[in-house]
Amino acid sequence: FYVNVKGTSNSAPSSVPAATALSAPELQLYPNPSSGLVNIALEGAENATYEVMDILGQVIASHTGSGTWQWNASSATEAADGTYFIRATTLNASGNALVTTKRLVLQR
């Protein structure tokens, strides 16, 4: 919202550059809810870092590599039924980190 001497306007004046939003690729988790095996994909990313976090923010599993990962929550002793967050990080062409997070529910 901008205020100028002649009144108000809800758009930026032409002299103010528009901010460019960096958008992360779409993070896909399936099935969700899951009973154990979770497919994680970051659409359009060749390399990515994935982190599985519990509700306290503790990283309980991670993977770095291609844009896809299959996490076996059944073999992870620290992964009880409940809510987790998957954080995916990749770099864009300019070298800026793009981060996206989604919620995952484990029900066994």
PDB file of N, CA and C in Angstrom:
ATOM      1  N   PHE A   1       0.850  -1.157   0.000  1.00  0.00           N
ATOM      2  CA  PHE A   1       0.000   0.000   0.000  1.00  0.00           C
ATOM      3  C   PHE A   1       0.899   1.223   0.000  1.00  0.00           C
ATOM      4  N   TYR A   2       0.697   2.107  -0.911  1.00  0.00           N
ATOM      5  CA  TYR A   2       1.533   3.298  -1.036  1.00  0.00           C
ATOM      6  C   TYR A   2       0.689   4.550  -0.826  1.00  0.00           C
ATOM      7  N   VAL A   3       1.264   5.525  -0.177  1.00  0.00           N
ATOM      8  CA  VAL A   3       0.602   6.815   0.031  1.00  0.00           C
ATOM      9  C   VAL A   3       1.439   7.871  -0.673  1.00  0.00           C
ATOM     10  N   ASN A   4       0.777   8.697  -1.469  1.00  0.00           N
ATOM     11  CA  ASN A   4       1.505   9.786  -2.096  1.00  0.00           C
ATOM     12  C   ASN A   4       0.802  11.103  -1.788  1.00  0.00           C
ATOM     13  N   VAL A   5       1.377  12.185  -2.197  1.00  0.00           N
ATOM     14  CA  VAL A   5       0.851  13.506  -1.863  1.00  0.00           C
ATOM     15  C   VAL A   5      -0.542  13.719  -2.444  1.00  0.00           C
ATOM     16  N   LYS A   6      -0.825  13.174  -3.605  1.00  0.00           N
ATOM     17  CA  LYS A   6      -2.106  13.405  -4.270  1.00  0.00           C
ATOM     18  C   LYS A   6      -3.192  12.442  -3.808  1.00  0.00           C
ATOM     19  N   GLY A   7      -2.871  11.443  -3.011  1.00  0.00           N
ATOM     20  CA  GLY A   7      -3.889  10.501  -2.585  1.00  0.00           C
ATOM     21  C   GLY A   7      -3.281   9.151  -2.252  1.00  0.00           C
ATOM     22  N   THR A   8      -4.084   8.116  -2.370  1.00  0.00           N
ATOM     23  CA  THR A   8      -3.620   6.772  -2.048  1.00  0.00           C
ATOM     24  C   THR A   8      -3.711   5.879  -3.273  1.00  0.00           C
ATOM     25  N   SER A   9      -2.912   4.869  -3.248  1.00  0.00           N
ATOM     26  CA  SER A   9      -2.900   3.914  -4.354  1.00  0.00           C
ATOM     27  C   SER A   9      -2.521   2.551  -3.797  1.00  0.00           C
ATOM     28  N   ASN A  10      -3.071   1.494  -4.367  1.00  0.00           N
ATOM     29  CA  ASN A  10      -2.705   0.153  -3.916  1.00  0.00           C
ATOM     30  C   ASN A  10      -1.682  -0.500  -4.841  1.00  0.00           C
ATOM     31  N   SER A  11      -1.117   0.260  -5.739  1.00  0.00           N
ATOM     32  CA  SER A  11      -0.079  -0.275  -6.619  1.00  0.00           C
ATOM     33  C   SER A  11       1.184   0.572  -6.481  1.00  0.00           C
ATOM     34  N   ALA A  12       2.299  -0.057  -6.737  1.00  0.00           N
ATOM     35  CA  ALA A  12       3.580   0.637  -6.625  1.00  0.00           C
ATOM     36  C   ALA A  12       3.747   1.623  -7.770  1.00  0.00           C
ATOM     37  N   PRO A  13       4.313   2.779  -7.481  1.00  0.00           N
ATOM     38  CA  PRO A  13       4.597   3.711  -8.566  1.00  0.00           C
ATOM     39  C   PRO A  13       5.638   3.107  -9.502  1.00  0.00           C
ATOM     40  N   SER A  14       5.685   3.580 -10.728  1.00  0.00           N
ATOM     41  CA  SER A  14       6.586   3.002 -11.723  1.00  0.00           C
ATOM     42  C   SER A  14       8.052   3.129 -11.336  1.00  0.00           C
ATOM     43  N   SER A  15       8.381   4.069 -10.438  1.00  0.00           N
ATOM     44  CA  SER A  15       9.770   4.247 -10.031  1.00  0.00           C
ATOM     45  C   SER A  15      10.204   3.209  -8.982  1.00  0.00           C
ATOM     46  N   VAL A  16       9.253   2.435  -8.417  1.00  0.00           N
ATOM     47  CA  VAL A  16       9.575   1.421  -7.419  1.00  0.00           C
ATOM     48  C   VAL A  16       9.638   0.070  -8.122  1.00  0.00           C
ATOM     49  N   PRO A  17      10.799  -0.586  -8.101  1.00  0.00           N
ATOM     50  CA  PRO A  17      10.898  -1.879  -8.784  1.00  0.00           C
ATOM     51  C   PRO A  17      10.060  -2.940  -8.077  1.00  0.00           C
ATOM     52  N   ALA A  18       9.437  -3.778  -8.844  1.00  0.00           N
ATOM     53  CA  ALA A  18       8.633  -4.862  -8.277  1.00  0.00           C
ATOM     54  C   ALA A  18       9.564  -5.943  -7.750  1.00  0.00           C
ATOM     55  N   ALA A  19       9.200  -6.526  -6.620  1.00  0.00           N
ATOM     56  CA  ALA A  19      10.000  -7.606  -6.035  1.00  0.00           C
ATOM     57  C   ALA A  19       9.793  -8.871  -6.855  1.00  0.00           C
ATOM     58  N   THR A  20      10.871  -9.584  -7.068  1.00  0.00           N
ATOM     59  CA  THR A  20      10.788 -10.842  -7.791  1.00  0.00           C
ATOM     60  C   THR A  20      10.752 -11.965  -6.778  1.00  0.00           C
ATOM     61  N   ALA A  21       9.670 -12.716  -6.779  1.00  0.00           N
ATOM     62  CA  ALA A  21       9.533 -13.819  -5.831  1.00  0.00           C
ATOM     63  C   ALA A  21      10.227 -15.051  -6.382  1.00  0.00           C
ATOM     64  N   LEU A  22      11.013 -15.701  -5.525  1.00  0.00           N
ATOM     65  CA  LEU A  22      11.656 -16.947  -5.893  1.00  0.00           C
ATOM     66  C   LEU A  22      10.723 -18.070  -5.462  1.00  0.00           C
ATOM     67  N   SER A  23      10.322 -18.890  -6.390  1.00  0.00           N
ATOM     68  CA  SER A  23       9.416 -19.963  -6.026  1.00  0.00           C
ATOM     69  C   SER A  23      10.132 -21.303  -6.154  1.00  0.00           C
ATOM     70  N   ALA A  24       9.974 -22.108  -5.125  1.00  0.00           N
ATOM     71  CA  ALA A  24      10.588 -23.436  -5.097  1.00  0.00           C
ATOM     72  C   ALA A  24       9.762 -24.387  -5.955  1.00  0.00           C
ATOM     73  N   PRO A  25      10.401 -25.417  -6.490  1.00  0.00           N
ATOM     74  CA  PRO A  25       9.653 -26.422  -7.246  1.00  0.00           C
ATOM     75  C   PRO A  25       8.613 -27.098  -6.355  1.00  0.00           C
ATOM     76  N   GLU A  26       7.620 -27.689  -6.951  1.00  0.00           N
ATOM     77  CA  GLU A  26       6.539 -28.353  -6.225  1.00  0.00           C
ATOM     78  C   GLU A  26       7.052 -29.612  -5.545  1.00  0.00           C
ATOM     79  N   LEU A  27       6.830 -29.711  -4.231  1.00  0.00           N
ATOM     80  CA  LEU A  27       7.212 -30.880  -3.452  1.00  0.00           C
ATOM     81  C   LEU A  27       6.030 -31.836  -3.417  1.00  0.00           C
ATOM     82  N   GLN A  28       6.272 -33.067  -3.835  1.00  0.00           N
ATOM     83  CA  GLN A  28       5.213 -34.080  -3.861  1.00  0.00           C
ATOM     84  C   GLN A  28       5.535 -35.177  -2.860  1.00  0.00           C
ATOM     85  N   LEU A  29       4.546 -35.537  -2.024  1.00  0.00           N
ATOM     86  CA  LEU A  29       4.652 -36.630  -1.062  1.00  0.00           C
ATOM     87  C   LEU A  29       3.493 -37.578  -1.312  1.00  0.00           C
ATOM     88  N   TYR A  30       3.785 -38.849  -1.505  1.00  0.00           N
ATOM     89  CA  TYR A  30       2.695 -39.810  -1.685  1.00  0.00           C
ATOM     90  C   TYR A  30       3.155 -41.203  -1.301  1.00  0.00           C
ATOM     91  N   PRO A  31       2.289 -42.019  -0.749  1.00  0.00           N
ATOM     92  CA  PRO A  31       0.950 -41.639  -0.269  1.00  0.00           C
ATOM     93  C   PRO A  31       1.059 -40.809   1.004  1.00  0.00           C
ATOM     94  N   ASN A  32       0.070 -40.007   1.234  1.00  0.00           N
ATOM     95  CA  ASN A  32       0.019 -39.163   2.425  1.00  0.00           C
ATOM     96  C   ASN A  32      -1.433 -39.042   2.860  1.00  0.00           C
ATOM     97  N   PRO A  33      -1.826 -39.670   3.949  1.00  0.00           N
ATOM     98  CA  PRO A  33      -1.028 -40.335   4.967  1.00  0.00           C
ATOM     99  C   PRO A  33      -0.390 -41.623   4.449  1.00  0.00           C
ATOM    100  N   SER A  34       0.693 -42.011   5.120  1.00  0.00           N
ATOM    101  CA  SER A  34       1.457 -43.178   4.700  1.00  0.00           C
ATOM    102  C   SER A  34       1.533 -44.195   5.828  1.00  0.00           C
ATOM    103  N   SER A  35       1.650 -45.461   5.437  1.00  0.00           N
ATOM    104  CA  SER A  35       1.831 -46.516   6.430  1.00  0.00           C
ATOM    105  C   SER A  35       3.300 -46.904   6.558  1.00  0.00           C
ATOM    106  N   GLY A  36       4.170 -46.291   5.790  1.00  0.00           N
ATOM    107  CA  GLY A  36       5.592 -46.587   5.934  1.00  0.00           C
ATOM    108  C   GLY A  36       6.465 -46.114   4.795  1.00  0.00           C
ATOM    109  N   LEU A  37       6.195 -46.526   3.577  1.00  0.00           N
ATOM    110  CA  LEU A  37       7.026 -46.163   2.430  1.00  0.00           C
ATOM    111  C   LEU A  37       6.486 -44.878   1.805  1.00  0.00           C
ATOM    112  N   VAL A  38       7.326 -43.843   1.758  1.00  0.00           N
ATOM    113  CA  VAL A  38       6.900 -42.528   1.275  1.00  0.00           C
ATOM    114  C   VAL A  38       7.733 -42.151   0.067  1.00  0.00           C
ATOM    115  N   ASN A  39       7.083 -41.801  -1.012  1.00  0.00           N
ATOM    116  CA  ASN A  39       7.742 -41.297  -2.216  1.00  0.00           C
ATOM    117  C   ASN A  39       7.802 -39.776  -2.106  1.00  0.00           C
ATOM    118  N   ILE A  40       8.998 -39.238  -2.268  1.00  0.00           N
ATOM    119  CA  ILE A  40       9.214 -37.798  -2.146  1.00  0.00           C
ATOM    120  C   ILE A  40       9.865 -37.326  -3.442  1.00  0.00           C
ATOM    121  N   ALA A  41       9.258 -36.340  -4.077  1.00  0.00           N
ATOM    122  CA  ALA A  41       9.788 -35.844  -5.346  1.00  0.00           C
ATOM    123  C   ALA A  41       9.712 -34.323  -5.370  1.00  0.00           C
ATOM    124  N   LEU A  42      10.739 -33.732  -5.892  1.00  0.00           N
ATOM    125  CA  LEU A  42      10.786 -32.290  -6.083  1.00  0.00           C
ATOM    126  C   LEU A  42      10.766 -32.056  -7.583  1.00  0.00           C
ATOM    127  N   GLU A  43       9.599 -31.713  -8.084  1.00  0.00           N
ATOM    128  CA  GLU A  43       9.372 -31.599  -9.519  1.00  0.00           C
ATOM    129  C   GLU A  43      10.297 -30.566 -10.148  1.00  0.00           C
ATOM    130  N   GLY A  44      11.008 -30.989 -11.188  1.00  0.00           N
ATOM    131  CA  GLY A  44      11.875 -30.094 -11.924  1.00  0.00           C
ATOM    132  C   GLY A  44      13.260 -29.923 -11.332  1.00  0.00           C
ATOM    133  N   ALA A  45      13.550 -30.583 -10.214  1.00  0.00           N
ATOM    134  CA  ALA A  45      14.869 -30.445  -9.588  1.00  0.00           C
ATOM    135  C   ALA A  45      15.743 -31.640  -9.934  1.00  0.00           C
ATOM    136  N   GLU A  46      16.961 -31.368 -10.350  1.00  0.00           N
ATOM    137  CA  GLU A  46      17.898 -32.444 -10.645  1.00  0.00           C
ATOM    138  C   GLU A  46      18.595 -32.915  -9.379  1.00  0.00           C
ATOM    139  N   ASN A  47      18.911 -32.011  -8.502  1.00  0.00           N
ATOM    140  CA  ASN A  47      19.540 -32.333  -7.221  1.00  0.00           C
ATOM    141  C   ASN A  47      18.768 -31.639  -6.117  1.00  0.00           C
ATOM    142  N   ALA A  48      18.647 -32.327  -4.982  1.00  0.00           N
ATOM    143  CA  ALA A  48      17.912 -31.757  -3.859  1.00  0.00           C
ATOM    144  C   ALA A  48      18.427 -32.361  -2.563  1.00  0.00           C
ATOM    145  N   THR A  49      18.189 -31.649  -1.482  1.00  0.00           N
ATOM    146  CA  THR A  49      18.446 -32.163  -0.146  1.00  0.00           C
ATOM    147  C   THR A  49      17.109 -32.255   0.561  1.00  0.00           C
ATOM    148  N   TYR A  50      16.801 -33.428   1.097  1.00  0.00           N
ATOM    149  CA  TYR A  50      15.546 -33.660   1.808  1.00  0.00           C
ATOM    150  C   TYR A  50      15.845 -33.900   3.276  1.00  0.00           C
ATOM    151  N   GLU A  51      15.002 -33.370   4.139  1.00  0.00           N
ATOM    152  CA  GLU A  51      15.102 -33.619   5.569  1.00  0.00           C
ATOM    153  C   GLU A  51      13.728 -33.969   6.100  1.00  0.00           C
ATOM    154  N   VAL A  52      13.669 -35.046   6.895  1.00  0.00           N
ATOM    155  CA  VAL A  52      12.445 -35.433   7.582  1.00  0.00           C
ATOM    156  C   VAL A  52      12.581 -34.937   9.011  1.00  0.00           C
ATOM    157  N   MET A  53      11.631 -34.101   9.445  1.00  0.00           N
ATOM    158  CA  MET A  53      11.698 -33.519  10.784  1.00  0.00           C
ATOM    159  C   MET A  53      10.467 -33.913  11.588  1.00  0.00           C
ATOM    160  N   ASP A  54      10.677 -34.167  12.884  1.00  0.00           N
ATOM    161  CA  ASP A  54       9.540 -34.438  13.757  1.00  0.00           C
ATOM    162  C   ASP A  54       8.896 -33.108  14.140  1.00  0.00           C
ATOM    163  N   ILE A  55       7.861 -33.167  14.967  1.00  0.00           N
ATOM    164  CA  ILE A  55       7.140 -31.927  15.292  1.00  0.00           C
ATOM    165  C   ILE A  55       7.947 -30.969  16.154  1.00  0.00           C
ATOM    166  N   LEU A  56       9.057 -31.462  16.718  1.00  0.00           N
ATOM    167  CA  LEU A  56       9.942 -30.589  17.495  1.00  0.00           C
ATOM    168  C   LEU A  56      11.039 -29.961  16.641  1.00  0.00           C
ATOM    169  N   GLY A  57      11.070 -30.314  15.351  1.00  0.00           N
ATOM    170  CA  GLY A  57      12.070 -29.757  14.442  1.00  0.00           C
ATOM    171  C   GLY A  57      13.362 -30.550  14.390  1.00  0.00           C
ATOM    172  N   GLN A  58      13.408 -31.710  15.044  1.00  0.00           N
ATOM    173  CA  GLN A  58      14.596 -32.553  15.013  1.00  0.00           C
ATOM    174  C   GLN A  58      14.644 -33.311  13.690  1.00  0.00           C
ATOM    175  N   VAL A  59      15.779 -33.275  13.002  1.00  0.00           N
ATOM    176  CA  VAL A  59      15.932 -34.010  11.747  1.00  0.00           C
ATOM    177  C   VAL A  59      16.162 -35.474  12.093  1.00  0.00           C
ATOM    178  N   ILE A  60      15.263 -36.358  11.600  1.00  0.00           N
ATOM    179  CA  ILE A  60      15.382 -37.785  11.906  1.00  0.00           C
ATOM    180  C   ILE A  60      15.870 -38.596  10.708  1.00  0.00           C
ATOM    181  N   ALA A  61      15.827 -37.994   9.523  1.00  0.00           N
ATOM    182  CA  ALA A  61      16.342 -38.654   8.318  1.00  0.00           C
ATOM    183  C   ALA A  61      16.654 -37.574   7.291  1.00  0.00           C
ATOM    184  N   SER A  62      17.624 -37.856   6.429  1.00  0.00           N
ATOM    185  CA  SER A  62      17.952 -36.898   5.375  1.00  0.00           C
ATOM    186  C   SER A  62      18.510 -37.644   4.172  1.00  0.00           C
ATOM    187  N   HIS A  63      18.452 -36.970   3.041  1.00  0.00           N
ATOM    188  CA  HIS A  63      18.936 -37.542   1.781  1.00  0.00           C
ATOM    189  C   HIS A  63      19.353 -36.390   0.875  1.00  0.00           C
ATOM    190  N   THR A  64      20.465 -36.555   0.191  1.00  0.00           N
ATOM    191  CA  THR A  64      20.901 -35.598  -0.814  1.00  0.00           C
ATOM    192  C   THR A  64      21.175 -36.365  -2.091  1.00  0.00           C
ATOM    193  N   GLY A  65      20.639 -35.873  -3.197  1.00  0.00           N
ATOM    194  CA  GLY A  65      20.851 -36.546  -4.468  1.00  0.00           C
ATOM    195  C   GLY A  65      19.878 -36.073  -5.514  1.00  0.00           C
ATOM    196  N   SER A  66      19.356 -37.030  -6.266  1.00  0.00           N
ATOM    197  CA  SER A  66      18.452 -36.700  -7.367  1.00  0.00           C
ATOM    198  C   SER A  66      17.184 -36.044  -6.836  1.00  0.00           C
ATOM    199  N   GLY A  67      16.335 -35.633  -7.727  1.00  0.00           N
ATOM    200  CA  GLY A  67      15.097 -34.959  -7.345  1.00  0.00           C
ATOM    201  C   GLY A  67      14.062 -35.858  -6.726  1.00  0.00           C
ATOM    202  N   THR A  68      14.342 -37.166  -6.598  1.00  0.00           N
ATOM    203  CA  THR A  68      13.386 -38.086  -5.982  1.00  0.00           C
ATOM    204  C   THR A  68      14.058 -38.882  -4.871  1.00  0.00           C
ATOM    205  N   TRP A  69      13.246 -39.316  -3.895  1.00  0.00           N
ATOM    206  CA  TRP A  69      13.731 -40.121  -2.776  1.00  0.00           C
ATOM    207  C   TRP A  69      12.585 -40.964  -2.267  1.00  0.00           C
ATOM    208  N   GLN A  70      12.878 -42.195  -1.909  1.00  0.00           N
ATOM    209  CA  GLN A  70      11.879 -43.080  -1.322  1.00  0.00           C
ATOM    210  C   GLN A  70      12.318 -43.372   0.104  1.00  0.00           C
ATOM    211  N   TRP A  71      11.598 -42.796   1.068  1.00  0.00           N
ATOM    212  CA  TRP A  71      11.938 -42.949   2.484  1.00  0.00           C
ATOM    213  C   TRP A  71      11.113 -44.062   3.084  1.00  0.00           C
ATOM    214  N   ASN A  72      11.786 -45.020   3.727  1.00  0.00           N
ATOM    215  CA  ASN A  72      11.095 -46.127   4.377  1.00  0.00           C
ATOM    216  C   ASN A  72      10.968 -45.803   5.861  1.00  0.00           C
ATOM    217  N   ALA A  73       9.829 -45.232   6.239  1.00  0.00           N
ATOM    218  CA  ALA A  73       9.596 -44.850   7.628  1.00  0.00           C
ATOM    219  C   ALA A  73       9.464 -46.073   8.524  1.00  0.00           C
ATOM    220  N   SER A  74       9.103 -47.224   7.949  1.00  0.00           N
ATOM    221  CA  SER A  74       8.958 -48.446   8.742  1.00  0.00           C
ATOM    222  C   SER A  74      10.292 -48.913   9.298  1.00  0.00           C
ATOM    223  N   SER A  75      11.377 -48.661   8.589  1.00  0.00           N
ATOM    224  CA  SER A  75      12.695 -49.088   9.059  1.00  0.00           C
ATOM    225  C   SER A  75      13.365 -48.039   9.946  1.00  0.00           C
ATOM    226  N   ALA A  76      12.780 -46.869  10.037  1.00  0.00           N
ATOM    227  CA  ALA A  76      13.341 -45.798  10.873  1.00  0.00           C
ATOM    228  C   ALA A  76      12.798 -45.955  12.297  1.00  0.00           C
ATOM    229  N   THR A  77      13.659 -46.352  13.213  1.00  0.00           N
ATOM    230  CA  THR A  77      13.219 -46.625  14.582  1.00  0.00           C
ATOM    231  C   THR A  77      12.690 -45.388  15.289  1.00  0.00           C
ATOM    232  N   GLU A  78      13.143 -44.208  14.893  1.00  0.00           N
ATOM    233  CA  GLU A  78      12.704 -42.978  15.546  1.00  0.00           C
ATOM    234  C   GLU A  78      11.419 -42.412  14.946  1.00  0.00           C
ATOM    235  N   ALA A  79      10.841 -43.088  13.953  1.00  0.00           N
ATOM    236  CA  ALA A  79       9.638 -42.585  13.287  1.00  0.00           C
ATOM    237  C   ALA A  79       8.398 -43.324  13.777  1.00  0.00           C
ATOM    238  N   ALA A  80       7.775 -42.775  14.805  1.00  0.00           N
ATOM    239  CA  ALA A  80       6.521 -43.335  15.318  1.00  0.00           C
ATOM    240  C   ALA A  80       5.360 -42.729  14.531  1.00  0.00           C
ATOM    241  N   ASP A  81       4.160 -43.275  14.714  1.00  0.00           N
ATOM    242  CA  ASP A  81       2.989 -42.687  14.077  1.00  0.00           C
ATOM    243  C   ASP A  81       2.858 -41.232  14.505  1.00  0.00           C
ATOM    244  N   GLY A  82       2.434 -40.394  13.581  1.00  0.00           N
ATOM    245  CA  GLY A  82       2.250 -38.985  13.898  1.00  0.00           C
ATOM    246  C   GLY A  82       2.543 -38.088  12.721  1.00  0.00           C
ATOM    247  N   THR A  83       2.756 -36.826  13.001  1.00  0.00           N
ATOM    248  CA  THR A  83       2.971 -35.799  11.987  1.00  0.00           C
ATOM    249  C   THR A  83       4.449 -35.477  11.861  1.00  0.00           C
ATOM    250  N   TYR A  84       4.904 -35.377  10.626  1.00  0.00           N
ATOM    251  CA  TYR A  84       6.291 -35.039  10.313  1.00  0.00           C
ATOM    252  C   TYR A  84       6.281 -33.960   9.244  1.00  0.00           C
ATOM    253  N   PHE A  85       7.411 -33.331   9.058  1.00  0.00           N
ATOM    254  CA  PHE A  85       7.555 -32.317   8.018  1.00  0.00           C
ATOM    255  C   PHE A  85       8.716 -32.699   7.131  1.00  0.00           C
ATOM    256  N   ILE A  86       8.505 -32.607   5.826  1.00  0.00           N
ATOM    257  CA  ILE A  86       9.545 -32.873   4.840  1.00  0.00           C
ATOM    258  C   ILE A  86       9.988 -31.527   4.289  1.00  0.00           C
ATOM    259  N   ARG A  87      11.272 -31.227   4.453  1.00  0.00           N
ATOM    260  CA  ARG A  87      11.829 -29.979   3.925  1.00  0.00           C
ATOM    261  C   ARG A  87      12.747 -30.329   2.763  1.00  0.00           C
ATOM    262  N   ALA A  88      12.524 -29.691   1.632  1.00  0.00           N
ATOM    263  CA  ALA A  88      13.341 -29.919   0.440  1.00  0.00           C
ATOM    264  C   ALA A  88      14.038 -28.619   0.068  1.00  0.00           C
ATOM    265  N   THR A  89      15.332 -28.740  -0.226  1.00  0.00           N
ATOM    266  CA  THR A  89      16.133 -27.582  -0.604  1.00  0.00           C
ATOM    267  C   THR A  89      16.827 -27.880  -1.922  1.00  0.00           C
ATOM    268  N   THR A  90      16.759 -26.944  -2.843  1.00  0.00           N
ATOM    269  CA  THR A  90      17.458 -27.053  -4.122  1.00  0.00           C
ATOM    270  C   THR A  90      17.980 -25.674  -4.485  1.00  0.00           C
ATOM    271  N   LEU A  91      18.842 -25.610  -5.468  1.00  0.00           N
ATOM    272  CA  LEU A  91      19.384 -24.331  -5.920  1.00  0.00           C
ATOM    273  C   LEU A  91      18.794 -23.975  -7.274  1.00  0.00           C
ATOM    274  N   ASN A  92      18.490 -22.693  -7.468  1.00  0.00           N
ATOM    275  CA  ASN A  92      18.035 -22.268  -8.789  1.00  0.00           C
ATOM    276  C   ASN A  92      19.250 -21.962  -9.656  1.00  0.00           C
ATOM    277  N   ALA A  93      19.018 -21.509 -10.887  1.00  0.00           N
ATOM    278  CA  ALA A  93      20.103 -21.256 -11.834  1.00  0.00           C
ATOM    279  C   ALA A  93      21.070 -20.176 -11.340  1.00  0.00           C
ATOM    280  N   SER A  94      20.590 -19.274 -10.496  1.00  0.00           N
ATOM    281  CA  SER A  94      21.442 -18.208  -9.962  1.00  0.00           C
ATOM    282  C   SER A  94      22.218 -18.633  -8.726  1.00  0.00           C
ATOM    283  N   GLY A  95      21.972 -19.857  -8.257  1.00  0.00           N
ATOM    284  CA  GLY A  95      22.661 -20.345  -7.073  1.00  0.00           C
ATOM    285  C   GLY A  95      21.968 -20.017  -5.768  1.00  0.00           C
ATOM    286  N   ASN A  96      20.744 -19.479  -5.843  1.00  0.00           N
ATOM    287  CA  ASN A  96      19.976 -19.170  -4.635  1.00  0.00           C
ATOM    288  C   ASN A  96      19.258 -20.427  -4.147  1.00  0.00           C
ATOM    289  N   ALA A  97      19.239 -20.630  -2.840  1.00  0.00           N
ATOM    290  CA  ALA A  97      18.558 -21.782  -2.257  1.00  0.00           C
ATOM    291  C   ALA A  97      17.050 -21.566  -2.295  1.00  0.00           C
ATOM    292  N   LEU A  98      16.336 -22.576  -2.765  1.00  0.00           N
ATOM    293  CA  LEU A  98      14.878 -22.584  -2.770  1.00  0.00           C
ATOM    294  C   LEU A  98      14.437 -23.688  -1.816  1.00  0.00           C
ATOM    295  N   VAL A  99      13.627 -23.328  -0.830  1.00  0.00           N
ATOM    296  CA  VAL A  99      13.225 -24.272   0.210  1.00  0.00           C
ATOM    297  C   VAL A  99      11.706 -24.382   0.233  1.00  0.00           C
ATOM    298  N   THR A 100      11.207 -25.596   0.342  1.00  0.00           N
ATOM    299  CA  THR A 100       9.778 -25.829   0.484  1.00  0.00           C
ATOM    300  C   THR A 100       9.569 -26.927   1.514  1.00  0.00           C
ATOM    301  N   THR A 101       8.463 -26.849   2.230  1.00  0.00           N
ATOM    302  CA  THR A 101       8.163 -27.802   3.294  1.00  0.00           C
ATOM    303  C   THR A 101       6.717 -28.261   3.173  1.00  0.00           C
ATOM    304  N   LYS A 102       6.505 -29.570   3.413  1.00  0.00           N
ATOM    305  CA  LYS A 102       5.145 -30.125   3.427  1.00  0.00           C
ATOM    306  C   LYS A 102       4.990 -31.042   4.627  1.00  0.00           C
ATOM    307  N   ARG A 103       3.745 -31.199   5.046  1.00  0.00           N
ATOM    308  CA  ARG A 103       3.416 -32.045   6.186  1.00  0.00           C
ATOM    309  C   ARG A 103       3.153 -33.470   5.723  1.00  0.00           C
ATOM    310  N   LEU A 104       3.632 -34.436   6.499  1.00  0.00           N
ATOM    311  CA  LEU A 104       3.438 -35.860   6.228  1.00  0.00           C
ATOM    312  C   LEU A 104       2.848 -36.496   7.469  1.00  0.00           C
ATOM    313  N   VAL A 105       1.859 -37.369   7.285  1.00  0.00           N
ATOM    314  CA  VAL A 105       1.264 -38.094   8.394  1.00  0.00           C
ATOM    315  C   VAL A 105       1.574 -39.571   8.244  1.00  0.00           C
ATOM    316  N   LEU A 106       2.126 -40.163   9.322  1.00  0.00           N
ATOM    317  CA  LEU A 106       2.380 -41.599   9.358  1.00  0.00           C
ATOM    318  C   LEU A 106       1.305 -42.269  10.182  1.00  0.00           C
ATOM    319  N   GLN A 107       0.660 -43.282   9.598  1.00  0.00           N
ATOM    320  CA  GLN A 107      -0.373 -44.068  10.281  1.00  0.00           C
ATOM    321  C   GLN A 107      -0.110 -45.534   9.979  1.00  0.00           C
ATOM    322  N   ARG A 108       0.311 -46.279  10.999  1.00  0.00           N
ATOM    323  CA  ARG A 108       0.554 -47.706  10.766  1.00  0.00           C
ATOM    324  C   ARG A 108      -0.394 -48.556  11.546  1.00  0.00           C
TER     325      ARG A 108
END
